Amino acid sequence: MENSVFLAKILGPYCIIVALAFLFNLKSYQKVVEDFCKNSALIYLGGVFAFLVGILVVLSHNLWIADWQVIITIFGWLAIIKGTWLILFPNTVAKLTQSYQKKTALLTIELVILLALGILLTVKGYGLASCPFTP
């Protein structure tokens, strides 16, 4: 549980900030993602970074339980998968991103879900018992 709270304190605010930044500046961040996809070195470094963060999370927190803590484990495994994909198949990133950016409604839904998960993790990490999202 101690690892879960520590990681929730990191992942929660991170998810909130990323989700809000994208939601409030969608066009600007779409340009950032487009530029990212044009740079092979950035794709590779992004893959390495995602893979390493995922490995660190999974090594310290590989809990598959029916509790909020499983969210952290899922984030870790998704980071490993994303990092592996970016490293092994960098040429597919641009094509997938182009088709994905056309679906702004889907992106907005995913960002709202990310924001909700970020709020939940922040509440669990910092113990904000008065928040309406706590069970």
Protein backbone atom coordinates (compact mmCIF):
# COMPACT_ATOMS: atom_id res chain seq x y z
CA MET A 1 0.00 0.00 0.00
CA GLU A 2 2.89 2.36 0.70
CA ASN A 3 4.17 2.02 -2.89
CA SER A 4 0.65 2.57 -4.19
CA VAL A 5 0.25 5.83 -2.29
CA PHE A 6 3.70 7.04 -3.36
CA LEU A 7 3.06 6.27 -7.04
CA ALA A 8 -0.46 7.72 -6.85
CA LYS A 9 1.09 10.98 -5.57
CA ILE A 10 3.22 11.09 -8.72
CA LEU A 11 0.85 9.72 -11.37
CA GLY A 12 -2.26 11.53 -10.16
CA PRO A 13 -1.06 15.13 -10.57
CA TYR A 14 0.81 14.15 -13.75
CA CYS A 15 -2.41 12.82 -15.33
CA ILE A 16 -4.35 15.89 -14.23
CA ILE A 17 -1.81 18.32 -15.69
CA VAL A 18 -1.42 16.43 -18.98
CA ALA A 19 -5.19 16.04 -19.45
CA LEU A 20 -5.93 19.69 -18.68
CA ALA A 21 -3.07 20.92 -20.87
CA PHE A 22 -4.36 18.93 -23.83
CA LEU A 23 -8.02 19.82 -23.20
CA PHE A 24 -7.34 23.56 -22.96
CA ASN A 25 -4.79 23.68 -25.80
CA LEU A 26 -5.88 20.86 -28.10
CA LYS A 27 -4.76 22.50 -31.35
CA SER A 28 -1.35 23.46 -29.93
CA TYR A 29 -0.70 19.97 -28.59
CA GLN A 30 -1.83 18.38 -31.84
CA LYS A 31 0.95 20.42 -33.49
CA VAL A 32 3.43 19.24 -30.84
CA VAL A 33 2.47 15.60 -31.46
CA GLU A 34 2.73 16.15 -35.21
CA ASP A 35 6.23 17.60 -34.81
CA PHE A 36 7.20 14.76 -32.47
CA CYS A 37 6.23 12.20 -35.10
CA LYS A 38 8.55 13.81 -37.65
CA ASN A 39 11.64 13.36 -35.47
CA SER A 40 13.01 9.81 -35.29
CA ALA A 41 15.33 10.63 -32.41
CA LEU A 42 12.45 11.94 -30.31
CA ILE A 43 10.36 8.87 -31.08
CA TYR A 44 13.23 6.64 -29.98
CA LEU A 45 13.92 8.64 -26.80
CA GLY A 46 10.20 8.76 -26.03
CA GLY A 47 10.10 4.99 -26.38
CA VAL A 48 13.10 4.46 -24.14
CA PHE A 49 11.68 6.83 -21.51
CA ALA A 50 8.22 5.21 -21.58
CA PHE A 51 9.73 1.73 -21.41
CA LEU A 52 11.98 2.60 -18.46
CA VAL A 53 9.21 4.31 -16.51
CA GLY A 54 6.92 1.36 -17.18
CA ILE A 55 9.53 -1.14 -16.01
CA LEU A 56 10.15 0.88 -12.84
CA VAL A 57 6.44 1.04 -12.06
CA VAL A 58 5.84 -2.66 -12.75
CA LEU A 59 8.91 -3.80 -10.80
CA SER A 60 7.80 -1.83 -7.75
CA HIS A 61 4.04 -2.23 -8.17
CA ASN A 62 2.71 -5.25 -10.06
CA LEU A 63 -0.53 -5.65 -8.13
CA TRP A 64 -3.46 -7.29 -9.87
CA ILE A 65 -6.16 -6.81 -7.27
CA ALA A 66 -9.74 -5.55 -7.44
CA ASP A 67 -8.87 -2.17 -5.97
CA TRP A 68 -7.87 1.33 -7.09
CA GLN A 69 -4.22 0.23 -6.92
CA VAL A 70 -4.59 -1.80 -10.11
CA ILE A 71 -4.80 1.50 -12.03
CA ILE A 72 -1.12 2.09 -11.25
CA THR A 73 -0.18 -1.38 -12.47
CA ILE A 74 -2.14 -0.84 -15.68
CA PHE A 75 -0.36 2.48 -16.25
CA GLY A 76 2.97 0.69 -15.82
CA TRP A 77 2.14 -2.07 -18.30
CA LEU A 78 0.75 0.43 -20.81
CA ALA A 79 4.00 2.40 -20.56
CA ILE A 80 6.00 -0.77 -21.25
CA ILE A 81 3.82 -1.58 -24.26
CA LYS A 82 4.01 1.98 -25.60
CA GLY A 83 7.77 2.16 -25.10
CA THR A 84 8.29 -1.19 -26.80
CA TRP A 85 6.10 -0.13 -29.72
CA LEU A 86 7.95 3.20 -30.16
CA ILE A 87 11.34 1.48 -30.08
CA LEU A 88 10.48 -1.48 -32.33
CA PHE A 89 8.08 0.16 -34.80
CA PRO A 90 8.95 3.88 -35.02
CA ASN A 91 7.71 4.12 -38.63
CA THR A 92 4.14 3.32 -37.59
CA VAL A 93 3.86 6.26 -35.20
CA ALA A 94 3.20 8.96 -37.83
CA LYS A 95 0.47 6.98 -39.61
CA LEU A 96 -1.35 6.08 -36.42
CA THR A 97 -1.08 9.60 -35.03
CA GLN A 98 -2.45 11.17 -38.21
CA SER A 99 -5.54 8.98 -38.19
CA TYR A 100 -5.96 9.45 -34.43
CA GLN A 101 -5.77 13.25 -34.58
CA LYS A 102 -8.75 13.37 -36.91
CA LYS A 103 -10.88 11.82 -34.17
CA THR A 104 -10.95 14.75 -31.74
CA ALA A 105 -14.13 13.51 -30.01
CA LEU A 106 -12.42 10.23 -29.11
CA LEU A 107 -9.33 12.11 -27.93
CA THR A 108 -11.47 14.39 -25.76
CA ILE A 109 -13.23 11.40 -24.17
CA GLU A 110 -9.88 9.76 -23.42
CA LEU A 111 -8.56 12.99 -21.91
CA VAL A 112 -11.62 13.29 -19.65
CA ILE A 113 -11.06 9.69 -18.51
CA LEU A 114 -7.38 10.48 -17.89
CA LEU A 115 -8.42 13.54 -15.87
CA ALA A 116 -10.84 11.46 -13.78
CA LEU A 117 -8.16 8.81 -13.14
CA GLY A 118 -5.71 11.56 -12.21
CA ILE A 119 -8.17 13.01 -9.72
CA LEU A 120 -8.84 9.56 -8.24
CA LEU A 121 -5.11 8.80 -7.88
CA THR A 122 -4.42 12.22 -6.37
CA VAL A 123 -7.22 11.74 -3.86
CA LYS A 124 -5.94 8.28 -2.95
CA GLY A 125 -2.34 9.46 -2.79
CA TYR A 126 -2.87 12.58 -0.74
CA GLY A 127 -5.78 11.25 1.32
CA LEU A 128 -8.33 13.93 0.46
CA ALA A 129 -11.20 12.15 2.17
CA SER A 130 -13.67 14.98 1.60
CA CYS A 131 -13.46 14.63 -2.18
CA PRO A 132 -16.63 13.30 -3.82
CA PHE A 133 -14.67 10.71 -5.82
CA THR A 134 -13.64 8.68 -2.78
CA PRO A 135 -15.69 5.54 -2.18
